[in-house]
Amino acid sequence: MEELNLSDRLRLIAGLIKKGSKVADIGTDHGYLPIFLVKSGITDRVIAMDVRKGPLKKAEDNTRAFCVFDQIELRLSDGLAALEKGEADTVTISGMGGRLIQSILTNGMEKLDKSTRLIVSPQSELREFRIFLKEKGFLVLEEHMMTEDGQFYVIMECVYMGADYAPQTIEEAKLRYGESLLREKNESLKAYLYKEKRIAEGIYTQLSARNGQEAAVQERLGQLRKDLDCIDFALEYYNFA
């Protein structure tokens, strides 16, 4: 094999991964995406997992053919089962229906750290899958749509905000800071957010140091926590390149 024939869909997914990421590719099939990520210098190591032995053996053959066998760790795994918490900061899942991806994420949620990136391309049940993401603490930052070989594909860039993440924070942040400004990663807004965060954290620290449990102080601390959650949510747009 002299040239890797990567589909346009997988190239789009690869282009969404930040350089230097620790990637776990779920349902890797023949390992084309991990091979491309390593060969193109996007990352120097990938965990490639599949539930089937046949495709995983083919992926092994391909990694040897492209001389990246020592940089791609192949694991037989049902979804995220063989992944240890903290091993990956970016998870890719594609080529499956929405319900199957939903099942994989539900069964492996404990393997994800807060701020784990999820790049996913469900092939069906899109409406239900979007609802699932919101309910389970995933923030969808961007969606991309393309056609290939007569088929339509949606690729979602998401970040895991944590099980205690409140979906209403999304709408509050958009109202406060402007959805279009957030999506374009406006640099002036970014500076403003960091300024507001420093101010809120300073006030929070001062109030927390007070003795007593005055109702007014506790109410103000609660509001500051909500403000900081909202700011942190907004800053995730900038963290996801």
Foldseek 3Di string as FASTA:
>chain_A
DPDQPDFPVLVVLLVQQAAAFAEEEEQCQLVSSVLCCCVVRSHQAYEYEYQDPVSLVNNCVVCVVSVNNVRYHYDNDQQCRPAAAPRGLEYEYEDEALVSVLVSCVVCVVSYDFFRKYKYKHQDPVVVSVVSCLQQQKDFLDKDWDDDPRGIIIITIIGRHDRPDDSVLVVVLCVVQNSVCLNVVPPVSVVVLVVVLVVLVVVLVVLVPDDDDDPVSVVSNVVSVSVNSSSVVSCSSVVRD
